[in-house]
Protein backbone atom coordinates (compact mmCIF):
# COMPACT_ATOMS: atom_id res chain seq x y z
CA MET A 1 -45.64 -11.76 -118.54
CA ILE A 2 -45.99 -13.25 -122.00
CA ALA A 3 -48.09 -16.38 -122.20
CA SER A 4 -46.61 -19.58 -123.59
CA ARG A 5 -47.84 -23.10 -124.14
CA ARG A 6 -47.05 -24.09 -120.57
CA ALA A 7 -49.86 -21.80 -119.37
CA PHE A 8 -52.51 -23.91 -121.04
CA MET A 9 -53.08 -26.97 -118.87
CA ALA A 10 -54.91 -30.09 -119.98
CA SER A 11 -58.66 -30.11 -119.62
CA ALA A 12 -58.37 -33.02 -117.21
CA ALA A 13 -56.39 -30.81 -114.84
CA ALA A 14 -59.07 -28.14 -115.03
CA LEU A 15 -61.75 -30.67 -114.15
CA ALA A 16 -59.72 -31.94 -111.23
CA LEU A 17 -59.31 -28.43 -109.85
CA SER A 18 -63.04 -27.77 -109.97
CA GLY A 19 -63.64 -30.43 -107.33
CA TYR A 20 -61.12 -29.20 -104.76
CA ALA A 21 -62.22 -28.57 -101.22
CA LYS A 22 -62.19 -24.93 -100.28
CA ARG A 23 -59.49 -25.51 -97.73
CA ALA A 24 -56.39 -27.72 -97.65
CA GLN A 25 -53.95 -28.04 -94.75
CA ALA A 26 -50.20 -28.47 -95.21
CA MET A 27 -49.09 -31.94 -94.15
CA ALA A 28 -47.14 -32.71 -90.97
CA ALA A 29 -43.68 -31.14 -90.70
CA GLU A 30 -40.38 -32.89 -90.97
CA PRO A 31 -37.60 -31.44 -88.84
CA GLY A 32 -35.00 -29.02 -90.19
CA GLY A 33 -33.57 -28.58 -93.67
CA PHE A 34 -32.85 -25.80 -96.12
CA VAL A 35 -33.09 -27.73 -99.39
CA ASP A 36 -36.49 -28.12 -101.06
CA GLY A 37 -35.86 -30.55 -103.91
CA PRO A 38 -34.83 -28.40 -106.90
CA SER A 39 -35.31 -25.20 -104.88
CA ARG A 40 -32.67 -23.99 -102.44
CA ASN A 41 -33.20 -21.55 -99.56
CA GLU A 42 -30.43 -19.12 -98.62
CA VAL A 43 -32.07 -18.67 -95.21
CA PHE A 44 -34.44 -20.98 -93.34
CA GLY A 45 -37.45 -18.73 -93.87
CA TYR A 46 -40.52 -20.73 -92.88
CA GLY A 47 -38.93 -24.12 -93.42
CA PRO A 48 -39.31 -26.82 -96.07
CA MET A 49 -42.41 -27.27 -98.17
CA LYS A 50 -44.87 -29.97 -97.10
CA ALA A 51 -46.77 -31.84 -99.80
CA ASP A 52 -50.39 -30.78 -100.34
CA PRO A 53 -52.65 -33.87 -100.34
CA TYR A 54 -54.78 -32.16 -103.03
CA GLY A 55 -51.79 -31.64 -105.32
CA LEU A 56 -52.31 -27.91 -105.71
CA LEU A 57 -50.16 -25.78 -103.38
CA ASP A 58 -47.34 -26.93 -101.11
CA LEU A 59 -46.70 -24.74 -98.06
CA PRO A 60 -44.47 -24.78 -94.98
CA ASP A 61 -45.71 -26.42 -91.79
CA GLY A 62 -48.57 -24.54 -90.15
CA PHE A 63 -49.69 -22.72 -93.31
CA SER A 64 -52.94 -23.34 -95.21
CA TYR A 65 -54.86 -21.96 -98.15
CA ARG A 66 -58.39 -21.36 -99.36
CA VAL A 67 -59.54 -21.19 -102.95
CA VAL A 68 -61.07 -17.72 -103.42
CA SER A 69 -62.02 -17.86 -107.08
CA GLN A 70 -61.62 -20.07 -110.17
CA ALA A 71 -61.86 -19.49 -113.91
CA GLY A 72 -65.23 -20.40 -115.38
CA GLU A 73 -67.35 -19.60 -112.32
CA THR A 74 -70.55 -17.64 -112.92
CA MET A 75 -70.22 -14.16 -111.44
CA ALA A 76 -72.83 -11.83 -109.95
CA ASP A 77 -73.29 -10.08 -113.33
CA GLY A 78 -74.06 -13.38 -115.07
CA LEU A 79 -70.72 -13.46 -116.89
CA LEU A 80 -68.01 -16.07 -116.48
CA THR A 81 -64.80 -15.54 -114.53
CA PRO A 82 -62.18 -15.19 -117.32
CA ASP A 83 -59.05 -17.32 -117.38
CA LYS A 84 -55.37 -16.29 -117.25
CA PHE A 85 -55.25 -14.69 -113.79
CA ASP A 86 -52.40 -12.20 -113.63
CA GLY A 87 -51.57 -9.04 -111.63
CA MET A 88 -53.83 -8.19 -108.70
CA GLY A 89 -54.27 -5.59 -105.97
CA CYS A 90 -55.93 -5.82 -102.55
CA PHE A 91 -58.00 -3.05 -100.94
CA GLY A 92 -59.71 -2.86 -97.55
CA LEU A 93 -63.51 -2.68 -97.68
CA ASP A 94 -64.45 -2.91 -94.00
CA GLU A 95 -63.26 -4.64 -90.83
CA ASP A 96 -63.86 -8.12 -92.22
CA ARG A 97 -63.78 -7.80 -96.00
CA VAL A 98 -61.31 -6.94 -98.72
CA ILE A 99 -61.61 -6.21 -102.42
CA LEU A 100 -59.35 -7.88 -104.97
CA VAL A 101 -59.06 -6.31 -108.41
CA ARG A 102 -57.51 -8.87 -110.73
CA ASN A 103 -56.15 -8.71 -114.28
CA HIS A 104 -56.87 -11.27 -116.99
CA GLU A 105 -54.18 -11.58 -119.64
CA VAL A 106 -56.48 -12.69 -122.44
CA ASN A 107 -55.30 -11.84 -125.94
CA PRO A 108 -57.60 -10.78 -128.81
CA LEU A 109 -57.72 -14.26 -130.35
CA GLU A 110 -58.53 -16.23 -127.19
CA PHE A 111 -62.27 -16.27 -127.72
CA ASN A 112 -63.08 -18.93 -125.14
CA ALA A 113 -61.04 -17.55 -122.23
CA SER A 114 -63.14 -14.42 -121.72
CA ALA A 115 -66.06 -13.46 -119.51
CA TRP A 116 -68.42 -13.54 -122.49
CA GLY A 117 -68.45 -17.30 -122.93
CA ALA A 118 -68.03 -19.35 -126.10
CA ASN A 119 -68.96 -17.37 -129.23
CA HIS A 120 -69.72 -14.36 -127.01
CA ARG A 121 -73.03 -15.92 -126.05
CA LEU A 122 -73.30 -13.86 -122.84
CA VAL A 123 -72.83 -10.42 -124.38
CA GLY A 124 -76.58 -9.77 -124.55
CA ASP A 125 -77.55 -6.12 -124.90
CA LEU A 126 -74.26 -4.74 -123.56
CA ASP A 127 -73.77 -1.03 -124.20
CA ARG A 128 -70.78 -0.59 -126.56
CA ALA A 129 -69.58 2.36 -124.45
CA GLN A 130 -69.01 0.03 -121.50
CA VAL A 131 -66.12 -1.79 -123.18
CA TYR A 132 -62.97 -0.42 -124.79
CA GLY A 133 -62.29 -2.75 -127.71
CA VAL A 134 -64.52 -4.94 -129.87
CA TYR A 135 -64.04 -7.42 -132.66
CA PRO A 136 -65.17 -6.37 -136.14
CA ASP A 137 -68.65 -7.80 -136.64
CA LYS A 138 -70.40 -7.49 -139.99
CA ASP A 139 -73.81 -7.75 -138.30
CA GLY A 140 -73.14 -4.81 -136.01
CA ALA A 141 -73.20 -6.91 -132.84
CA VAL A 142 -70.95 -6.06 -129.93
CA ALA A 143 -68.13 -8.63 -129.62
CA PRO A 144 -65.81 -7.33 -126.88
CA LEU A 145 -62.18 -8.30 -126.55
CA GLY A 146 -61.62 -10.71 -123.67
CA GLY A 147 -58.99 -8.93 -121.56
CA GLY A 148 -59.78 -6.76 -118.56
CA THR A 149 -60.27 -7.03 -114.82
CA THR A 150 -62.59 -8.74 -112.38
CA THR A 151 -63.40 -7.48 -108.90
CA VAL A 152 -63.80 -9.92 -106.01
CA VAL A 153 -65.18 -9.25 -102.51
CA TYR A 154 -63.70 -11.70 -100.02
CA ASN A 155 -64.56 -12.07 -96.35
CA LEU A 156 -61.39 -12.63 -94.31
CA LYS A 157 -63.37 -13.65 -91.23
CA THR A 158 -65.54 -16.33 -92.85
CA GLY A 159 -63.17 -17.30 -95.66
CA HIS A 160 -65.95 -16.95 -98.23
CA THR A 161 -66.13 -15.09 -101.52
CA GLU A 162 -69.20 -12.84 -101.43
CA ARG A 163 -69.22 -11.37 -104.93
CA GLN A 164 -67.37 -11.30 -108.27
CA HIS A 165 -68.02 -9.17 -111.33
CA LEU A 166 -66.33 -7.91 -114.49
CA SER A 167 -65.00 -4.42 -113.84
CA LEU A 168 -63.01 -3.58 -117.02
CA GLY A 169 -63.93 -5.01 -120.40
CA GLY A 170 -62.75 -4.98 -123.98
CA THR A 171 -59.04 -4.58 -123.27
CA ALA A 172 -56.26 -6.99 -124.25
CA VAL A 173 -53.44 -8.84 -122.50
CA ASN A 174 -53.94 -7.12 -119.14
CA CYS A 175 -50.77 -8.22 -117.45
CA ALA A 176 -49.93 -6.49 -114.18
CA GLY A 177 -50.55 -3.00 -112.83
CA GLY A 178 -50.52 -1.34 -109.44
CA VAL A 179 -52.60 0.13 -106.67
CA THR A 180 -53.05 3.88 -106.23
CA PRO A 181 -53.02 5.71 -102.87
CA TRP A 182 -56.68 6.65 -103.47
CA GLY A 183 -57.96 3.10 -103.80
CA SER A 184 -57.97 2.25 -107.49
CA TRP A 185 -56.12 -0.28 -109.62
CA LEU A 186 -54.04 0.64 -112.67
CA SER A 187 -54.50 -2.16 -115.20
CA CYS A 188 -51.80 -2.36 -117.86
CA GLU A 189 -52.03 -3.80 -121.37
CA GLU A 190 -48.94 -5.75 -122.44
CA ILE A 191 -49.55 -5.46 -126.17
CA VAL A 192 -49.19 -2.82 -128.86
CA ALA A 193 -51.46 -4.38 -131.47
CA GLY A 194 -53.96 -2.01 -133.00
CA THR A 195 -55.44 -0.58 -136.15
CA LYS A 196 -52.37 -1.55 -138.18
CA ASP A 197 -53.00 -5.15 -137.15
CA GLY A 198 -56.67 -5.18 -138.10
CA LEU A 199 -58.17 -4.21 -134.73
CA PRO A 200 -60.57 -1.27 -134.54
CA GLN A 201 -58.63 0.25 -131.61
CA ASP A 202 -54.98 0.68 -130.65
CA HIS A 203 -53.87 -1.17 -127.50
CA GLY A 204 -50.95 -0.74 -125.14
CA TRP A 205 -52.50 1.56 -122.53
CA VAL A 206 -53.06 1.93 -118.80
CA PHE A 207 -56.66 1.96 -117.50
CA GLU A 208 -57.83 3.00 -114.04
CA VAL A 209 -60.32 0.78 -112.18
CA PRO A 210 -61.83 2.16 -108.92
CA SER A 211 -61.83 -0.75 -106.47
CA ARG A 212 -65.33 -0.02 -105.15
CA ALA A 213 -67.01 0.06 -108.54
CA THR A 214 -69.84 -2.48 -108.66
CA GLY A 215 -70.00 -2.84 -112.43
CA LEU A 216 -68.05 -2.05 -115.58
CA VAL A 217 -65.97 1.13 -115.24
CA ASP A 218 -65.32 3.80 -117.84
CA PRO A 219 -62.79 2.13 -120.21
CA THR A 220 -60.82 5.28 -121.07
CA PRO A 221 -57.07 4.80 -121.60
CA ILE A 222 -54.63 7.17 -119.90
CA ARG A 223 -52.88 8.11 -123.11
CA ALA A 224 -50.30 10.44 -121.56
CA MET A 225 -48.83 7.43 -119.72
CA GLY A 226 -47.64 6.11 -123.06
CA ARG A 227 -48.37 3.30 -125.45
CA PHE A 228 -45.99 0.38 -125.04
CA LYS A 229 -45.95 -3.18 -123.69
CA HIS A 230 -46.89 -2.14 -120.17
CA GLU A 231 -46.27 -4.58 -117.35
CA ALA A 232 -46.70 -3.01 -113.90
CA ALA A 233 -46.94 0.34 -112.12
CA CYS A 234 -46.48 1.83 -108.67
CA ILE A 235 -46.91 5.30 -107.21
CA ASP A 236 -44.76 7.21 -104.73
CA PRO A 237 -47.50 8.46 -102.37
CA ARG A 238 -45.30 11.40 -101.32
CA THR A 239 -44.95 12.89 -104.80
CA GLY A 240 -47.56 11.20 -106.98
CA VAL A 241 -44.90 10.07 -109.46
CA VAL A 242 -45.93 6.87 -111.27
CA TYR A 243 -43.21 4.34 -112.13
CA MET A 244 -43.81 1.73 -114.85
CA THR A 245 -42.10 -1.33 -116.28
CA GLU A 246 -42.14 -2.75 -119.79
CA ASP A 247 -41.93 -6.43 -120.71
CA THR A 248 -39.59 -6.68 -123.68
CA ALA A 249 -36.03 -7.93 -124.00
CA GLU A 250 -34.93 -4.33 -124.59
CA SER A 251 -37.26 -2.53 -122.23
CA LEU A 252 -37.07 0.84 -120.52
CA PHE A 253 -38.04 1.89 -117.01
CA TYR A 254 -40.51 4.79 -117.09
CA ARG A 255 -41.84 7.47 -114.83
CA TYR A 256 -44.93 9.61 -115.32
CA LEU A 257 -45.03 13.08 -113.75
CA PRO A 258 -48.76 13.83 -113.58
CA THR A 259 -50.02 17.38 -113.80
CA ASP A 260 -52.52 16.49 -111.07
CA PRO A 261 -51.37 13.50 -108.93
CA ARG A 262 -54.98 12.48 -108.19
CA ARG A 263 -56.18 12.80 -111.80
CA LEU A 264 -53.87 10.80 -114.02
CA HIS A 265 -56.08 11.46 -117.05
CA ALA A 266 -55.31 15.19 -116.75
CA GLY A 267 -51.95 14.72 -118.45
CA GLY A 268 -48.32 14.84 -117.53
CA ARG A 269 -44.76 14.14 -118.70
CA LEU A 270 -43.47 10.67 -119.56
CA GLN A 271 -39.76 9.99 -119.07
CA ALA A 272 -37.35 7.05 -119.15
CA LEU A 273 -34.49 6.27 -116.79
CA ALA A 274 -30.94 6.83 -118.01
CA LEU A 275 -27.58 6.42 -116.27
CA VAL A 276 -25.63 9.58 -115.40
CA ASP A 277 -22.28 8.15 -116.46
CA GLN A 278 -23.32 6.10 -119.46
CA ALA A 279 -25.57 7.06 -122.35
CA ARG A 280 -27.74 4.20 -123.58
CA GLY A 281 -26.49 2.03 -120.72
CA ASP A 282 -27.28 -1.68 -120.61
CA THR A 283 -28.16 -2.97 -117.12
CA ARG A 284 -28.82 -6.55 -118.26
CA ASN A 285 -25.26 -7.91 -117.79
CA TRP A 286 -25.83 -10.19 -120.77
CA ASN A 287 -22.78 -9.52 -122.90
CA ASP A 288 -20.72 -7.00 -120.97
CA VAL A 289 -21.06 -6.96 -117.18
CA LEU A 290 -21.97 -3.42 -116.21
CA TRP A 291 -22.34 -3.95 -112.47
CA ARG A 292 -22.48 -6.43 -109.61
CA GLN A 293 -25.05 -7.16 -106.92
CA GLY A 294 -25.12 -4.36 -104.34
CA GLN A 295 -23.64 -1.75 -106.68
CA ARG A 296 -25.46 1.58 -107.12
CA LEU A 297 -25.53 3.95 -110.09
CA ALA A 298 -26.73 7.55 -110.29
CA VAL A 299 -29.59 8.14 -112.72
CA ARG A 300 -31.12 10.89 -114.82
CA TRP A 301 -34.39 10.97 -116.74
CA VAL A 302 -34.94 11.42 -120.47
CA ASP A 303 -38.05 13.19 -121.77
CA LEU A 304 -40.08 11.15 -124.27
CA ASP A 305 -42.13 12.58 -127.12
CA HIS A 306 -44.98 11.24 -129.25
CA VAL A 307 -45.86 9.00 -126.32
CA GLU A 308 -49.02 7.65 -128.00
CA SER A 309 -46.57 5.92 -130.32
CA PRO A 310 -48.67 4.84 -133.32
CA ASP A 311 -45.73 2.71 -134.50
CA GLY A 312 -45.22 1.04 -131.11
CA ASP A 313 -41.59 2.19 -131.05
CA LEU A 314 -41.46 4.23 -127.84
CA SER A 315 -38.70 2.15 -126.23
CA LEU A 316 -36.56 2.23 -129.36
CA ARG A 317 -36.77 6.00 -129.56
CA GLY A 318 -36.18 6.35 -125.82
CA HIS A 319 -33.03 4.24 -125.93
CA ALA A 320 -31.76 6.22 -128.90
CA SER A 321 -32.20 9.33 -126.74
CA GLY A 322 -30.01 7.87 -123.99
CA ALA A 323 -32.32 5.74 -121.85
CA ALA A 324 -30.93 2.56 -120.28
CA LEU A 325 -31.97 -0.95 -121.28
CA PHE A 326 -33.48 -3.54 -118.93
CA ALA A 327 -34.22 -7.24 -119.45
CA ARG A 328 -38.00 -7.70 -119.42
CA GLY A 329 -39.07 -5.31 -116.69
CA GLU A 330 -42.00 -6.85 -114.81
CA GLY A 331 -43.23 -6.44 -111.22
CA VAL A 332 -42.75 -3.12 -109.44
CA HIS A 333 -43.81 -2.20 -105.90
CA TRP A 334 -43.42 0.79 -103.60
CA ALA A 335 -41.66 0.12 -100.27
CA GLY A 336 -41.81 3.15 -97.97
CA ASP A 337 -39.17 5.49 -99.41
CA HIS A 338 -37.95 3.43 -102.37
CA LEU A 339 -39.24 0.85 -104.86
CA TYR A 340 -38.25 -2.53 -106.22
CA PHE A 341 -38.76 -3.82 -109.74
CA THR A 342 -37.87 -7.08 -111.44
CA CYS A 343 -36.12 -7.84 -114.69
CA THR A 344 -37.20 -11.39 -115.39
CA SER A 345 -34.40 -12.47 -117.72
CA GLY A 346 -31.64 -10.15 -116.54
CA GLY A 347 -28.23 -11.17 -115.27
CA VAL A 348 -25.20 -13.07 -116.51
CA GLY A 349 -27.10 -16.38 -116.33
CA ARG A 350 -30.36 -14.74 -117.49
CA HIS A 351 -32.17 -16.06 -114.38
CA GLY A 352 -33.42 -12.63 -113.31
CA GLN A 353 -32.61 -9.44 -111.45
CA ILE A 354 -34.33 -7.34 -108.81
CA MET A 355 -33.60 -3.61 -108.93
CA ARG A 356 -33.99 -1.12 -106.10
CA TYR A 357 -34.58 2.54 -106.93
CA VAL A 358 -34.22 5.32 -104.36
CA PRO A 359 -35.74 8.54 -105.72
CA SER A 360 -34.00 11.87 -105.49
CA PRO A 361 -35.08 14.12 -102.62
CA ARG A 362 -36.02 16.45 -105.47
CA GLU A 363 -37.60 13.77 -107.68
CA GLY A 364 -39.20 15.26 -110.76
CA GLN A 365 -38.08 18.80 -109.93
CA SER A 366 -35.86 20.99 -112.12
CA ASP A 367 -32.95 20.74 -109.67
CA GLU A 368 -32.96 16.96 -109.10
CA ALA A 369 -29.65 16.53 -110.97
CA GLY A 370 -27.89 17.93 -107.90
CA GLN A 371 -29.16 14.99 -105.84
CA PRO A 372 -29.86 12.27 -108.38
CA GLY A 373 -31.87 9.16 -107.69
CA MET A 374 -29.88 5.96 -107.23
CA LEU A 375 -30.45 2.60 -108.92
CA GLU A 376 -29.13 -0.51 -107.15
CA LEU A 377 -28.71 -4.05 -108.44
CA PHE A 378 -30.40 -5.50 -105.36
CA VAL A 379 -30.35 -9.17 -106.42
CA GLU A 380 -28.95 -10.95 -109.45
CA ALA A 381 -29.92 -14.62 -109.57
CA GLY A 382 -26.85 -16.75 -110.11
CA ASP A 383 -28.43 -20.08 -109.22
CA ARG A 384 -31.81 -20.89 -110.74
CA ALA A 385 -32.52 -23.22 -107.80
CA VAL A 386 -32.52 -20.12 -105.57
CA LEU A 387 -34.44 -17.72 -107.83
CA ASP A 388 -35.49 -18.04 -111.46
CA TYR A 389 -37.50 -15.62 -113.61
CA VAL A 390 -39.08 -13.60 -110.80
CA ASP A 391 -42.08 -11.71 -112.14
CA ASN A 392 -44.88 -10.04 -110.11
CA ILE A 393 -43.76 -8.77 -106.70
CA ALA A 394 -45.24 -7.29 -103.54
CA ILE A 395 -43.83 -6.10 -100.23
CA ALA A 396 -44.75 -8.22 -97.22
CA PRO A 397 -45.64 -6.62 -93.85
CA ASN A 398 -42.12 -7.48 -92.61
CA GLY A 399 -40.57 -5.55 -95.50
CA HIS A 400 -39.45 -8.57 -97.52
CA VAL A 401 -39.87 -8.62 -101.28
CA ILE A 402 -42.28 -11.42 -102.24
CA GLY A 403 -41.87 -12.61 -105.83
CA CYS A 404 -43.75 -14.92 -108.19
CA GLU A 405 -41.65 -17.17 -110.38
CA ASP A 406 -42.45 -17.54 -114.09
CA LYS A 407 -39.63 -19.90 -115.00
CA GLN A 408 -39.36 -21.64 -118.34
CA VAL A 409 -38.62 -25.11 -116.98
CA GLY A 410 -39.31 -26.66 -113.58
CA THR A 411 -41.57 -26.11 -110.61
CA GLN A 412 -42.81 -22.60 -109.87
CA HIS A 413 -42.45 -21.03 -106.41
CA VAL A 414 -43.41 -17.93 -104.51
CA LYS A 415 -40.12 -16.66 -103.08
CA GLY A 416 -39.28 -14.18 -100.34
CA VAL A 417 -36.21 -11.93 -100.37
CA THR A 418 -34.86 -10.45 -97.13
CA PRO A 419 -33.65 -6.83 -96.91
CA ASP A 420 -30.08 -8.09 -97.31
CA GLY A 421 -30.95 -9.95 -100.52
CA ARG A 422 -31.22 -13.58 -99.33
CA VAL A 423 -33.92 -15.79 -100.84
CA TYR A 424 -36.28 -18.40 -99.39
CA ALA A 425 -39.40 -20.26 -100.56
CA ILE A 426 -42.91 -19.51 -99.29
CA ALA A 427 -45.05 -21.68 -101.58
CA ARG A 428 -44.64 -24.26 -104.33
CA ASN A 429 -46.95 -25.13 -107.21
CA ALA A 430 -47.73 -28.82 -106.66
CA MET A 431 -49.44 -29.37 -110.02
CA ARG A 432 -47.76 -31.98 -112.23
CA HIS A 433 -45.87 -30.96 -115.36
CA ASP A 434 -43.61 -32.37 -118.05
CA ALA A 435 -39.90 -32.50 -117.31
CA ASP A 436 -39.01 -30.12 -120.15
CA GLU A 437 -41.63 -27.53 -119.22
CA SER A 438 -42.98 -25.93 -116.06
CA ASN A 439 -46.28 -25.92 -114.26
CA THR A 440 -48.35 -22.76 -114.41
CA GLU A 441 -46.76 -19.61 -113.06
CA PHE A 442 -47.71 -17.70 -109.94
CA ALA A 443 -48.94 -14.12 -110.36
CA GLY A 444 -50.71 -11.27 -108.60
CA VAL A 445 -49.22 -11.68 -105.14
CA CYS A 446 -50.62 -9.11 -102.67
CA TRP A 447 -51.45 -8.77 -98.98
CA ALA A 448 -54.57 -7.97 -96.99
CA PRO A 449 -54.28 -4.69 -95.06
CA ASP A 450 -54.03 -6.53 -91.73
CA GLY A 451 -50.94 -8.40 -92.95
CA ARG A 452 -52.28 -11.84 -92.07
CA THR A 453 -53.41 -13.08 -95.50
CA MET A 454 -51.34 -13.35 -98.65
CA PHE A 455 -53.29 -13.62 -101.90
CA VAL A 456 -51.72 -15.15 -104.99
CA ASN A 457 -52.93 -16.36 -108.38
CA LEU A 458 -52.25 -19.49 -110.36
CA TYR A 459 -52.22 -18.27 -113.93
CA SER A 460 -54.08 -20.97 -115.90
CA PRO A 461 -56.38 -22.68 -115.19
CA GLY A 462 -56.93 -19.44 -113.30
CA MET A 463 -57.27 -19.62 -109.54
CA THR A 464 -56.92 -17.12 -106.69
CA LEU A 465 -55.70 -18.48 -103.35
CA ALA A 466 -55.68 -16.96 -99.84
CA VAL A 467 -52.71 -18.16 -97.76
CA THR A 468 -52.60 -17.82 -93.98
CA GLY A 469 -50.27 -19.09 -91.30
CA PRO A 470 -47.61 -18.17 -88.73
CA TRP A 471 -45.98 -15.32 -90.63
CA GLU A 472 -44.25 -14.21 -87.42
CA ARG A 473 -42.14 -17.42 -87.38
CA PHE A 474 -39.67 -16.32 -90.04
CA ARG A 475 -36.14 -17.50 -89.28
CA ALA A 476 -32.99 -16.09 -90.81
């Protein structure tokens, strides 16, 4: 997601958040109802939202939340928890504890939103090799860029956060990413600024962060996965193919065929999705309507060259070679034998689309054209009260797509989508906002391995929440 002024809340709001109790219960239920103020459910789901007495997160009856982590807290390594909480993955640690690896979408000029504190006062004697990018400094001091990831150990049984530390440093605009089958997090930079813009390093890469690392990890970009405005990634555990989205108005949908599925740094082929029956197809439905909800199209894949893209033009060249266009590709998540990904501003009304991709039985093989993969327009939002600008997504234990809204105006929600494409609300941001703007977006939704806790971020002031409740009570 691309930050805007609505993400920066007033300092008074930040101070108010710092005093919240670590647990808040949803208020008493009112019977029945499908309409939630400006939000409309297409199925009952878990029922209407009940107002949070702390003014933070409204939830259905019976649900509650805990605050796991907040921006500005001092971590175990002595650094500060950075702001701008974005994509996040959850990993099992033991019977009681999980690990959260969380992105921070801090851009190179946001000096006071990073882990290093104001004027980089906490850098100390940091080894330059431990961070990817630094600011030019005439005195030779290390001044790392503020993007990256933090790692959080959370105890599900006690509801307490046991540890936090910075795990990837010196990157920029780390937006979303994805979990790997071997227990690491792929953190994606949503920026292609670099040496041509006055920075010492080029940005726009994917970095791998092992979830069990207890300090800063090796900040080596996976260059073969391309340089572009990365958003999110997911991996087909059967084949090792990595699928990636790109957050631009004229984005592509990518796949990476690794030479060694367990060693992404070892190289591979980068390709972009194209439509079998239409060169340079446009899936956005903005000007000419290509397809309707529920329709499927056969796909092919276009090889990309010069993937390190010093000019930041990979998507332009890919489209010229036949790849299809998408409207701000964002969240992507694997779902058993297929995947879902979002296009935040797609659709006739530009309120968003959710795509479903079913890979070929011969995905990535030389004969896959005989059984091509199929792309489906799973949901196209026609009513912004139902779904608007869906961004990060995850798959709930019941198989529903869970999406975070990043709408331009109005109140943000976490929404669920049933397998037949019907939408309902799970949570509502209760923070106040101006009528012509929105309150801070949700991001980083993910689930504990036992399926009983949903984690989600509030973007800024950054906060990670753990939501529990009667998930089994879903009603169609």
